[in-house]
């Protein structure tokens, strides 16, 4: 982390992540890094990046998501996200860190 003035250079909170297609305050990750515990070749993760809003403002929708393809087991995604969607995500054993 460390690239934002209000975040430390290390992760101080971790928890297992349950992916969901629901986009609301209960699934909001508030700018978290994602660690991929298990995947196979060609595994994908569909995310909404930190700070993305819907066209015209407000809560983003699934159309605002991007898919990261070919994620390997044991890797930490090199960006910060607010949501991980179930549809389009094939990786398992995901952990979020802040």
PDB file of N, CA and C in Angstrom:
ATOM      1  N   UNK A   1       0.873  -1.089   0.000  1.00  0.00           N
ATOM      2  CA  UNK A   1       0.000   0.000   0.000  1.00  0.00           C
ATOM      3  C   UNK A   1       0.947   1.182   0.000  1.00  0.00           C
ATOM      4  N   UNK A   2       0.997   2.036   0.910  1.00  0.00           N
ATOM      5  CA  UNK A   2       2.036   3.037   1.008  1.00  0.00           C
ATOM      6  C   UNK A   2       2.033   4.136  -0.044  1.00  0.00           C
ATOM      7  N   UNK A   3       1.232   4.053  -1.083  1.00  0.00           N
ATOM      8  CA  UNK A   3       1.220   5.082  -2.109  1.00  0.00           C
ATOM      9  C   UNK A   3       0.211   6.179  -1.795  1.00  0.00           C
ATOM     10  N   UNK A   4      -0.568   5.992  -0.751  1.00  0.00           N
ATOM     11  CA  UNK A   4      -1.560   6.965  -0.354  1.00  0.00           C
ATOM     12  C   UNK A   4      -1.151   7.530   0.996  1.00  0.00           C
ATOM     13  N   UNK A   5      -1.258   8.825   1.160  1.00  0.00           N
ATOM     14  CA  UNK A   5      -0.805   9.480   2.379  1.00  0.00           C
ATOM     15  C   UNK A   5      -1.489   8.992   3.638  1.00  0.00           C
ATOM     16  N   UNK A   6      -2.699   8.495   3.539  1.00  0.00           N
ATOM     17  CA  UNK A   6      -3.431   8.062   4.725  1.00  0.00           C
ATOM     18  C   UNK A   6      -3.341   6.562   4.965  1.00  0.00           C
ATOM     19  N   UNK A   7      -2.456   5.847   4.263  1.00  0.00           N
ATOM     20  CA  UNK A   7      -2.314   4.406   4.449  1.00  0.00           C
ATOM     21  C   UNK A   7      -0.878   4.060   4.827  1.00  0.00           C
ATOM     22  N   UNK A   8      -0.695   3.070   5.695  1.00  0.00           N
ATOM     23  CA  UNK A   8       0.655   2.635   6.049  1.00  0.00           C
ATOM     24  C   UNK A   8       1.300   1.875   4.898  1.00  0.00           C
ATOM     25  N   UNK A   9       2.592   1.571   5.027  1.00  0.00           N
ATOM     26  CA  UNK A   9       3.331   0.826   4.010  1.00  0.00           C
ATOM     27  C   UNK A   9       3.109  -0.676   4.121  1.00  0.00           C
ATOM     28  N   UNK A  10       2.249  -1.091   5.008  1.00  0.00           N
ATOM     29  CA  UNK A  10       2.013  -2.513   5.234  1.00  0.00           C
ATOM     30  C   UNK A  10       0.535  -2.740   5.533  1.00  0.00           C
ATOM     31  N   UNK A  11       0.117  -3.980   5.390  1.00  0.00           N
ATOM     32  CA  UNK A  11      -1.279  -4.345   5.652  1.00  0.00           C
ATOM     33  C   UNK A  11      -1.453  -4.574   7.144  1.00  0.00           C
ATOM     34  N   UNK A  12      -2.488  -3.970   7.718  1.00  0.00           N
ATOM     35  CA  UNK A  12      -2.728  -4.094   9.153  1.00  0.00           C
ATOM     36  C   UNK A  12      -4.005  -4.854   9.483  1.00  0.00           C
ATOM     37  N   UNK A  13      -4.815  -5.165   8.468  1.00  0.00           N
ATOM     38  CA  UNK A  13      -6.074  -5.889   8.679  1.00  0.00           C
ATOM     39  C   UNK A  13      -6.282  -6.862   7.535  1.00  0.00           C
ATOM     40  N   UNK A  14      -6.566  -8.120   7.841  1.00  0.00           N
ATOM     41  CA  UNK A  14      -6.875  -9.105   6.801  1.00  0.00           C
ATOM     42  C   UNK A  14      -8.110  -9.898   7.190  1.00  0.00           C
ATOM     43  N   UNK A  15      -8.836 -10.369   6.178  1.00  0.00           N
ATOM     44  CA  UNK A  15      -9.955 -11.273   6.421  1.00  0.00           C
ATOM     45  C   UNK A  15     -10.291 -11.984   5.117  1.00  0.00           C
ATOM     46  N   UNK A  16     -10.919 -13.143   5.259  1.00  0.00           N
ATOM     47  CA  UNK A  16     -11.361 -13.893   4.088  1.00  0.00           C
ATOM     48  C   UNK A  16     -12.399 -13.076   3.335  1.00  0.00           C
ATOM     49  N   UNK A  17     -12.391 -13.221   2.046  1.00  0.00           N
ATOM     50  CA  UNK A  17     -13.288 -12.442   1.199  1.00  0.00           C
ATOM     51  C   UNK A  17     -14.296 -13.366   0.532  1.00  0.00           C
ATOM     52  N   UNK A  18     -15.564 -13.057   0.696  1.00  0.00           N
ATOM     53  CA  UNK A  18     -16.622 -13.762  -0.016  1.00  0.00           C
ATOM     54  C   UNK A  18     -17.084 -12.857  -1.143  1.00  0.00           C
ATOM     55  N   UNK A  19     -16.893 -13.313  -2.371  1.00  0.00           N
ATOM     56  CA  UNK A  19     -17.267 -12.485  -3.522  1.00  0.00           C
ATOM     57  C   UNK A  19     -18.781 -12.431  -3.649  1.00  0.00           C
ATOM     58  N   UNK A  20     -19.274 -11.336  -4.207  1.00  0.00           N
ATOM     59  CA  UNK A  20     -20.717 -11.135  -4.319  1.00  0.00           C
ATOM     60  C   UNK A  20     -21.017 -10.204  -5.484  1.00  0.00           C
ATOM     61  N   UNK A  21     -22.144 -10.418  -6.126  1.00  0.00           N
ATOM     62  CA  UNK A  21     -22.591  -9.504  -7.173  1.00  0.00           C
ATOM     63  C   UNK A  21     -23.398  -8.345  -6.604  1.00  0.00           C
ATOM     64  N   UNK A  22     -23.637  -8.359  -5.319  1.00  0.00           N
ATOM     65  CA  UNK A  22     -24.318  -7.247  -4.653  1.00  0.00           C
ATOM     66  C   UNK A  22     -23.308  -6.122  -4.452  1.00  0.00           C
ATOM     67  N   UNK A  23     -23.685  -4.936  -4.849  1.00  0.00           N
ATOM     68  CA  UNK A  23     -22.803  -3.772  -4.700  1.00  0.00           C
ATOM     69  C   UNK A  23     -23.484  -2.805  -3.748  1.00  0.00           C
ATOM     70  N   UNK A  24     -23.058  -2.843  -2.486  1.00  0.00           N
ATOM     71  CA  UNK A  24     -23.615  -1.948  -1.471  1.00  0.00           C
ATOM     72  C   UNK A  24     -22.643  -1.855  -0.297  1.00  0.00           C
ATOM     73  N   UNK A  25     -23.065  -1.268   0.795  1.00  0.00           N
ATOM     74  CA  UNK A  25     -22.170  -1.044   1.929  1.00  0.00           C
ATOM     75  C   UNK A  25     -21.719  -2.345   2.598  1.00  0.00           C
ATOM     76  N   UNK A  26     -22.467  -3.426   2.455  1.00  0.00           N
ATOM     77  CA  UNK A  26     -22.052  -4.679   3.097  1.00  0.00           C
ATOM     78  C   UNK A  26     -20.943  -5.396   2.334  1.00  0.00           C
ATOM     79  N   UNK A  27     -20.790  -5.115   1.044  1.00  0.00           N
ATOM     80  CA  UNK A  27     -19.737  -5.747   0.246  1.00  0.00           C
ATOM     81  C   UNK A  27     -18.614  -4.774  -0.103  1.00  0.00           C
ATOM     82  N   UNK A  28     -18.721  -3.546   0.369  1.00  0.00           N
ATOM     83  CA  UNK A  28     -17.728  -2.493   0.103  1.00  0.00           C
ATOM     84  C   UNK A  28     -16.423  -2.825   0.817  1.00  0.00           C
ATOM     85  N   UNK A  29     -15.315  -2.891   0.078  1.00  0.00           N
ATOM     86  CA  UNK A  29     -14.013  -3.241   0.651  1.00  0.00           C
ATOM     87  C   UNK A  29     -13.185  -2.024   1.041  1.00  0.00           C
ATOM     88  N   UNK A  30     -13.657  -0.838   0.707  1.00  0.00           N
ATOM     89  CA  UNK A  30     -13.027   0.410   1.150  1.00  0.00           C
ATOM     90  C   UNK A  30     -11.539   0.482   0.815  1.00  0.00           C
ATOM     91  N   UNK A  31     -11.213   0.198  -0.415  1.00  0.00           N
ATOM     92  CA  UNK A  31      -9.833   0.322  -0.864  1.00  0.00           C
ATOM     93  C   UNK A  31      -8.922  -0.745  -0.304  1.00  0.00           C
ATOM     94  N   UNK A  32      -9.148  -1.989  -0.668  1.00  0.00           N
ATOM     95  CA  UNK A  32      -8.373  -3.112  -0.138  1.00  0.00           C
ATOM     96  C   UNK A  32      -7.512  -3.754  -1.213  1.00  0.00           C
ATOM     97  N   UNK A  33      -6.403  -4.332  -0.767  1.00  0.00           N
ATOM     98  CA  UNK A  33      -5.581  -5.174  -1.631  1.00  0.00           C
ATOM     99  C   UNK A  33      -6.166  -6.575  -1.585  1.00  0.00           C
ATOM    100  N   UNK A  34      -5.973  -7.360  -2.653  1.00  0.00           N
ATOM    101  CA  UNK A  34      -6.516  -8.706  -2.721  1.00  0.00           C
ATOM    102  C   UNK A  34      -5.378  -9.704  -2.914  1.00  0.00           C
ATOM    103  N   UNK A  35      -5.371 -10.730  -2.066  1.00  0.00           N
ATOM    104  CA  UNK A  35      -4.424 -11.841  -2.184  1.00  0.00           C
ATOM    105  C   UNK A  35      -5.198 -13.050  -2.705  1.00  0.00           C
ATOM    106  N   UNK A  36      -4.625 -13.735  -3.680  1.00  0.00           N
ATOM    107  CA  UNK A  36      -5.269 -14.897  -4.288  1.00  0.00           C
ATOM    108  C   UNK A  36      -4.622 -16.156  -3.736  1.00  0.00           C
ATOM    109  N   UNK A  37      -5.375 -16.912  -2.935  1.00  0.00           N
ATOM    110  CA  UNK A  37      -4.830 -18.117  -2.329  1.00  0.00           C
ATOM    111  C   UNK A  37      -4.848 -19.316  -3.250  1.00  0.00           C
ATOM    112  N   UNK A  38      -5.855 -19.423  -4.117  1.00  0.00           N
ATOM    113  CA  UNK A  38      -5.992 -20.600  -4.958  1.00  0.00           C
ATOM    114  C   UNK A  38      -6.490 -20.173  -6.329  1.00  0.00           C
ATOM    115  N   UNK A  39      -5.874 -20.709  -7.343  1.00  0.00           N
ATOM    116  CA  UNK A  39      -6.329 -20.457  -8.704  1.00  0.00           C
ATOM    117  C   UNK A  39      -5.718 -21.509  -9.615  1.00  0.00           C
ATOM    118  N   UNK A  40      -6.225 -21.574 -10.805  1.00  0.00           N
ATOM    119  CA  UNK A  40      -5.647 -22.437 -11.829  1.00  0.00           C
ATOM    120  C   UNK A  40      -5.230 -21.535 -12.981  1.00  0.00           C
ATOM    121  N   UNK A  41      -4.494 -22.072 -13.916  1.00  0.00           N
ATOM    122  CA  UNK A  41      -4.064 -21.282 -15.060  1.00  0.00           C
ATOM    123  C   UNK A  41      -5.275 -20.654 -15.735  1.00  0.00           C
ATOM    124  N   UNK A  42      -5.210 -19.371 -15.974  1.00  0.00           N
ATOM    125  CA  UNK A  42      -6.298 -18.674 -16.632  1.00  0.00           C
ATOM    126  C   UNK A  42      -7.381 -18.180 -15.692  1.00  0.00           C
ATOM    127  N   UNK A  43      -7.120 -18.185 -14.393  1.00  0.00           N
ATOM    128  CA  UNK A  43      -8.114 -17.729 -13.423  1.00  0.00           C
ATOM    129  C   UNK A  43      -8.343 -16.228 -13.551  1.00  0.00           C
ATOM    130  N   UNK A  44      -9.597 -15.814 -13.405  1.00  0.00           N
ATOM    131  CA  UNK A  44      -9.969 -14.404 -13.539  1.00  0.00           C
ATOM    132  C   UNK A  44     -10.547 -13.865 -12.239  1.00  0.00           C
ATOM    133  N   UNK A  45     -10.408 -12.556 -12.056  1.00  0.00           N
ATOM    134  CA  UNK A  45     -11.033 -11.856 -10.940  1.00  0.00           C
ATOM    135  C   UNK A  45     -11.673 -10.593 -11.503  1.00  0.00           C
ATOM    136  N   UNK A  46     -12.956 -10.388 -11.203  1.00  0.00           N
ATOM    137  CA  UNK A  46     -13.684  -9.216 -11.688  1.00  0.00           C
ATOM    138  C   UNK A  46     -13.833  -8.235 -10.531  1.00  0.00           C
ATOM    139  N   UNK A  47     -13.307  -7.021 -10.711  1.00  0.00           N
ATOM    140  CA  UNK A  47     -13.257  -6.038  -9.627  1.00  0.00           C
ATOM    141  C   UNK A  47     -13.780  -4.678 -10.077  1.00  0.00           C
ATOM    142  N   UNK A  48     -14.165  -3.889  -9.085  1.00  0.00           N
ATOM    143  CA  UNK A  48     -14.417  -2.472  -9.297  1.00  0.00           C
ATOM    144  C   UNK A  48     -13.329  -1.742  -8.530  1.00  0.00           C
ATOM    145  N   UNK A  49     -12.567  -0.962  -9.252  1.00  0.00           N
ATOM    146  CA  UNK A  49     -11.421  -0.268  -8.670  1.00  0.00           C
ATOM    147  C   UNK A  49     -11.869   0.779  -7.648  1.00  0.00           C
ATOM    148  N   UNK A  50     -10.958   1.146  -6.781  1.00  0.00           N
ATOM    149  CA  UNK A  50     -11.239   2.133  -5.744  1.00  0.00           C
ATOM    150  C   UNK A  50     -11.637   3.467  -6.382  1.00  0.00           C
ATOM    151  N   UNK A  51     -12.667   4.091  -5.836  1.00  0.00           N
ATOM    152  CA  UNK A  51     -13.079   5.419  -6.275  1.00  0.00           C
ATOM    153  C   UNK A  51     -13.961   5.477  -7.502  1.00  0.00           C
ATOM    154  N   UNK A  52     -14.258   4.343  -8.128  1.00  0.00           N
ATOM    155  CA  UNK A  52     -15.108   4.343  -9.325  1.00  0.00           C
ATOM    156  C   UNK A  52     -16.556   4.611  -8.909  1.00  0.00           C
ATOM    157  N   UNK A  53     -17.208   5.488  -9.644  1.00  0.00           N
ATOM    158  CA  UNK A  53     -18.627   5.765  -9.405  1.00  0.00           C
ATOM    159  C   UNK A  53     -19.401   5.521 -10.696  1.00  0.00           C
ATOM    160  N   UNK A  54     -20.684   5.369 -10.560  1.00  0.00           N
ATOM    161  CA  UNK A  54     -21.538   5.182 -11.736  1.00  0.00           C
ATOM    162  C   UNK A  54     -21.541   6.459 -12.568  1.00  0.00           C
ATOM    163  N   UNK A  55     -21.885   6.324 -13.832  1.00  0.00           N
ATOM    164  CA  UNK A  55     -22.013   7.508 -14.681  1.00  0.00           C
ATOM    165  C   UNK A  55     -23.011   8.458 -14.033  1.00  0.00           C
ATOM    166  N   UNK A  56     -22.638   9.691 -13.854  1.00  0.00           N
ATOM    167  CA  UNK A  56     -23.494  10.657 -13.194  1.00  0.00           C
ATOM    168  C   UNK A  56     -23.330  10.671 -11.677  1.00  0.00           C
ATOM    169  N   UNK A  57     -22.432   9.810 -11.155  1.00  0.00           N
ATOM    170  CA  UNK A  57     -22.174   9.749  -9.720  1.00  0.00           C
ATOM    171  C   UNK A  57     -22.951   8.629  -9.045  1.00  0.00           C
ATOM    172  N   UNK A  58     -22.618   8.364  -7.823  1.00  0.00           N
ATOM    173  CA  UNK A  58     -23.313   7.330  -7.062  1.00  0.00           C
ATOM    174  C   UNK A  58     -22.594   6.000  -7.058  1.00  0.00           C
ATOM    175  N   UNK A  59     -23.255   5.004  -6.497  1.00  0.00           N
ATOM    176  CA  UNK A  59     -22.681   3.670  -6.356  1.00  0.00           C
ATOM    177  C   UNK A  59     -22.448   3.061  -7.736  1.00  0.00           C
ATOM    178  N   UNK A  60     -21.267   2.461  -7.956  1.00  0.00           N
ATOM    179  CA  UNK A  60     -20.995   1.839  -9.255  1.00  0.00           C
ATOM    180  C   UNK A  60     -21.882   0.622  -9.493  1.00  0.00           C
ATOM    181  N   UNK A  61     -21.900   0.179 -10.723  1.00  0.00           N
ATOM    182  CA  UNK A  61     -22.646  -1.021 -11.090  1.00  0.00           C
ATOM    183  C   UNK A  61     -21.676  -2.032 -11.693  1.00  0.00           C
ATOM    184  N   UNK A  62     -22.173  -3.221 -11.990  1.00  0.00           N
ATOM    185  CA  UNK A  62     -21.333  -4.266 -12.570  1.00  0.00           C
ATOM    186  C   UNK A  62     -20.716  -3.839 -13.897  1.00  0.00           C
ATOM    187  N   UNK A  63     -21.351  -2.921 -14.600  1.00  0.00           N
ATOM    188  CA  UNK A  63     -20.786  -2.460 -15.878  1.00  0.00           C
ATOM    189  C   UNK A  63     -19.532  -1.614 -15.677  1.00  0.00           C
ATOM    190  N   UNK A  64     -19.284  -1.172 -14.438  1.00  0.00           N
ATOM    191  CA  UNK A  64     -18.086  -0.393 -14.135  1.00  0.00           C
ATOM    192  C   UNK A  64     -16.904  -1.279 -13.758  1.00  0.00           C
ATOM    193  N   UNK A  65     -17.108  -2.597 -13.721  1.00  0.00           N
ATOM    194  CA  UNK A  65     -16.063  -3.539 -13.307  1.00  0.00           C
ATOM    195  C   UNK A  65     -15.112  -3.855 -14.453  1.00  0.00           C
ATOM    196  N   UNK A  66     -13.914  -4.289 -14.078  1.00  0.00           N
ATOM    197  CA  UNK A  66     -12.941  -4.784 -15.046  1.00  0.00           C
ATOM    198  C   UNK A  66     -12.568  -6.210 -14.637  1.00  0.00           C
ATOM    199  N   UNK A  67     -12.123  -6.999 -15.598  1.00  0.00           N
ATOM    200  CA  UNK A  67     -11.715  -8.371 -15.320  1.00  0.00           C
ATOM    201  C   UNK A  67     -10.210  -8.491 -15.471  1.00  0.00           C
ATOM    202  N   UNK A  68      -9.560  -8.995 -14.420  1.00  0.00           N
ATOM    203  CA  UNK A  68      -8.130  -9.268 -14.458  1.00  0.00           C
ATOM    204  C   UNK A  68      -7.993 -10.741 -14.818  1.00  0.00           C
ATOM    205  N   UNK A  69      -7.333 -11.019 -15.913  1.00  0.00           N
ATOM    206  CA  UNK A  69      -7.246 -12.387 -16.428  1.00  0.00           C
ATOM    207  C   UNK A  69      -5.895 -13.021 -16.107  1.00  0.00           C
ATOM    208  N   UNK A  70      -5.908 -14.328 -15.935  1.00  0.00           N
ATOM    209  CA  UNK A  70      -4.679 -15.088 -15.755  1.00  0.00           C
ATOM    210  C   UNK A  70      -3.997 -14.884 -14.416  1.00  0.00           C
ATOM    211  N   UNK A  71      -4.759 -14.631 -13.374  1.00  0.00           N
ATOM    212  CA  UNK A  71      -4.189 -14.419 -12.041  1.00  0.00           C
ATOM    213  C   UNK A  71      -3.660 -15.750 -11.499  1.00  0.00           C
ATOM    214  N   UNK A  72      -2.463 -15.736 -10.942  1.00  0.00           N
ATOM    215  CA  UNK A  72      -1.832 -16.942 -10.426  1.00  0.00           C
ATOM    216  C   UNK A  72      -2.042 -17.090  -8.927  1.00  0.00           C
ATOM    217  N   UNK A  73      -2.089 -18.320  -8.444  1.00  0.00           N
ATOM    218  CA  UNK A  73      -2.195 -18.594  -7.004  1.00  0.00           C
ATOM    219  C   UNK A  73      -0.998 -17.989  -6.288  1.00  0.00           C
ATOM    220  N   UNK A  74      -1.237 -17.486  -5.098  1.00  0.00           N
ATOM    221  CA  UNK A  74      -0.165 -16.929  -4.281  1.00  0.00           C
ATOM    222  C   UNK A  74       0.245 -15.521  -4.673  1.00  0.00           C
ATOM    223  N   UNK A  75      -0.587 -14.834  -5.458  1.00  0.00           N
ATOM    224  CA  UNK A  75      -0.229 -13.480  -5.873  1.00  0.00           C
ATOM    225  C   UNK A  75      -1.119 -12.440  -5.209  1.00  0.00           C
ATOM    226  N   UNK A  76      -0.554 -11.264  -5.029  1.00  0.00           N
ATOM    227  CA  UNK A  76      -1.309 -10.120  -4.526  1.00  0.00           C
ATOM    228  C   UNK A  76      -1.549  -9.206  -5.721  1.00  0.00           C
ATOM    229  N   UNK A  77      -2.795  -8.824  -5.925  1.00  0.00           N
ATOM    230  CA  UNK A  77      -3.092  -7.936  -7.048  1.00  0.00           C
ATOM    231  C   UNK A  77      -2.400  -6.595  -6.822  1.00  0.00           C
ATOM    232  N   UNK A  78      -1.829  -6.010  -7.864  1.00  0.00           N
ATOM    233  CA  UNK A  78      -1.039  -4.779  -7.706  1.00  0.00           C
ATOM    234  C   UNK A  78      -1.867  -3.489  -7.726  1.00  0.00           C
ATOM    235  N   UNK A  79      -3.116  -3.566  -7.295  1.00  0.00           N
ATOM    236  CA  UNK A  79      -3.952  -2.375  -7.234  1.00  0.00           C
ATOM    237  C   UNK A  79      -4.971  -2.529  -6.115  1.00  0.00           C
ATOM    238  N   UNK A  80      -5.642  -1.444  -5.821  1.00  0.00           N
ATOM    239  CA  UNK A  80      -6.577  -1.364  -4.701  1.00  0.00           C
ATOM    240  C   UNK A  80      -8.003  -1.352  -5.250  1.00  0.00           C
ATOM    241  N   UNK A  81      -8.899  -2.148  -4.619  1.00  0.00           N
ATOM    242  CA  UNK A  81     -10.263  -2.293  -5.129  1.00  0.00           C
ATOM    243  C   UNK A  81     -11.298  -2.001  -4.050  1.00  0.00           C
ATOM    244  N   UNK A  82     -12.519  -1.699  -4.515  1.00  0.00           N
ATOM    245  CA  UNK A  82     -13.652  -1.497  -3.605  1.00  0.00           C
ATOM    246  C   UNK A  82     -14.612  -2.674  -3.604  1.00  0.00           C
ATOM    247  N   UNK A  83     -14.682  -3.434  -4.706  1.00  0.00           N
ATOM    248  CA  UNK A  83     -15.592  -4.575  -4.799  1.00  0.00           C
ATOM    249  C   UNK A  83     -14.946  -5.691  -5.615  1.00  0.00           C
ATOM    250  N   UNK A  84     -15.259  -6.945  -5.264  1.00  0.00           N
ATOM    251  CA  UNK A  84     -14.915  -8.113  -6.081  1.00  0.00           C
ATOM    252  C   UNK A  84     -16.232  -8.814  -6.392  1.00  0.00           C
ATOM    253  N   UNK A  85     -16.534  -8.944  -7.668  1.00  0.00           N
ATOM    254  CA  UNK A  85     -17.809  -9.513  -8.095  1.00  0.00           C
ATOM    255  C   UNK A  85     -17.718 -11.032  -8.269  1.00  0.00           C
ATOM    256  N   UNK A  86     -18.803 -11.719  -7.962  1.00  0.00           N
ATOM    257  CA  UNK A  86     -18.853 -13.177  -8.098  1.00  0.00           C
ATOM    258  C   UNK A  86     -18.886 -13.593  -9.565  1.00  0.00           C
ATOM    259  N   UNK A  87     -19.749 -12.936 -10.344  1.00  0.00           N
ATOM    260  CA  UNK A  87     -19.835 -13.253 -11.767  1.00  0.00           C
ATOM    261  C   UNK A  87     -18.564 -12.758 -12.450  1.00  0.00           C
ATOM    262  N   UNK A  88     -17.844 -13.672 -13.051  1.00  0.00           N
ATOM    263  CA  UNK A  88     -16.592 -13.319 -13.707  1.00  0.00           C
ATOM    264  C   UNK A  88     -15.364 -13.626 -12.869  1.00  0.00           C
ATOM    265  N   UNK A  89     -15.550 -14.007 -11.602  1.00  0.00           N
ATOM    266  CA  UNK A  89     -14.415 -14.358 -10.738  1.00  0.00           C
ATOM    267  C   UNK A  89     -14.371 -15.869 -10.586  1.00  0.00           C
ATOM    268  N   UNK A  90     -13.243 -16.471 -10.980  1.00  0.00           N
ATOM    269  CA  UNK A  90     -13.073 -17.916 -10.848  1.00  0.00           C
ATOM    270  C   UNK A  90     -12.018 -18.277  -9.813  1.00  0.00           C
ATOM    271  N   UNK A  91     -11.253 -17.316  -9.330  1.00  0.00           N
ATOM    272  CA  UNK A  91     -10.272 -17.572  -8.276  1.00  0.00           C
ATOM    273  C   UNK A  91     -10.989 -17.843  -6.953  1.00  0.00           C
ATOM    274  N   UNK A  92     -10.358 -18.626  -6.087  1.00  0.00           N
ATOM    275  CA  UNK A  92     -10.943 -18.935  -4.796  1.00  0.00           C
ATOM    276  C   UNK A  92      -9.930 -18.634  -3.695  1.00  0.00           C
ATOM    277  N   UNK A  93     -10.381 -18.750  -2.465  1.00  0.00           N
ATOM    278  CA  UNK A  93      -9.546 -18.497  -1.300  1.00  0.00           C
ATOM    279  C   UNK A  93      -8.945 -17.089  -1.351  1.00  0.00           C
ATOM    280  N   UNK A  94      -9.811 -16.112  -1.595  1.00  0.00           N
ATOM    281  CA  UNK A  94      -9.376 -14.716  -1.669  1.00  0.00           C
ATOM    282  C   UNK A  94      -9.314 -14.119  -0.268  1.00  0.00           C
ATOM    283  N   UNK A  95      -8.319 -13.276  -0.056  1.00  0.00           N
ATOM    284  CA  UNK A  95      -8.153 -12.569   1.214  1.00  0.00           C
ATOM    285  C   UNK A  95      -8.021 -11.092   0.910  1.00  0.00           C
ATOM    286  N   UNK A  96      -8.749 -10.268   1.661  1.00  0.00           N
ATOM    287  CA  UNK A  96      -8.626  -8.815   1.497  1.00  0.00           C
ATOM    288  C   UNK A  96      -7.711  -8.277   2.579  1.00  0.00           C
ATOM    289  N   UNK A  97      -6.953  -7.272   2.235  1.00  0.00           N
ATOM    290  CA  UNK A  97      -6.051  -6.656   3.205  1.00  0.00           C
ATOM    291  C   UNK A  97      -6.081  -5.148   3.092  1.00  0.00           C
ATOM    292  N   UNK A  98      -6.020  -4.502   4.247  1.00  0.00           N
ATOM    293  CA  UNK A  98      -5.966  -3.035   4.314  1.00  0.00           C
ATOM    294  C   UNK A  98      -4.820  -2.632   5.191  1.00  0.00           C
TER     295      UNK A  98
END
